[in-house]
């Protein structure tokens, strides 16, 4: 099989810039665009927002990002995978469907939910920390989420939806799941899954792999950081990947 899948990284954190994602979506010839916007702190903040207002549990930039990217996804025929569902994946899915209707786009949306396990916890439960204190000693519990992996995302991908929205998943799983879906990797093929996970870890922070982490002005100069390009990776059936970015964007991808 000579098939290759190109996955782009459109966001590395909740407040990441939108412009590089738009350039990547417009010119990157993608099969998938993954938007990784969630961390331990941001999921807790999302839960706090949801407690104050049940309609605000998903990523606050969801509509802004999707308004810019949905038309490009339809035009260039790539799929969007994101954890912007945060504390309310279903609410995020409904918002994206409403936005697609407003924009006149025929877009199917699949939601992966069930990561919120707060209701399963009891104040008397002991923590797994060494001293084994009950949860009640830490004050009011506001957030408890299980990390999903690639497996939990596969039914959503199999549905054919153009947009897949999750809550808390392991960051690289946003990239691994499309590879498992496209190539039919067995879930016990640890070599390919390991390669896919390594690729996912490289891509998940977006512009950091195109020079963001490396840059140290005066010592390790990276060209045109102000227009840092976001990366994509061409992945083959064996999990081998080649990183790249849109020509003319800032940053650098070089051999070690």
Foldseek 3Di string as FASTA:
>chain_A
DFDKAKEFEQAQELPDDRVLNLVCLQFVLHQEYEYEHDDPVRLLVLLVVCVVPVLRSFRPCLLVNCLRRVVSCVVSVHAYEYQRCRRHQPSSQVVSVVSCVVVVHDFFEAEQDDFFCPVVADQQAFDPDPVRHGNPVVPDDRGDGDAAALVSCQVVVVVVGRYYYYHHHDQLRSQLNVLCNVLVDPPPPCQLSVLSSVVSVLQNNWLVNQAVVPDDPPPRHWPPPVQRHGKMWIADNSSDIDIDTDPPGTGHDDDD
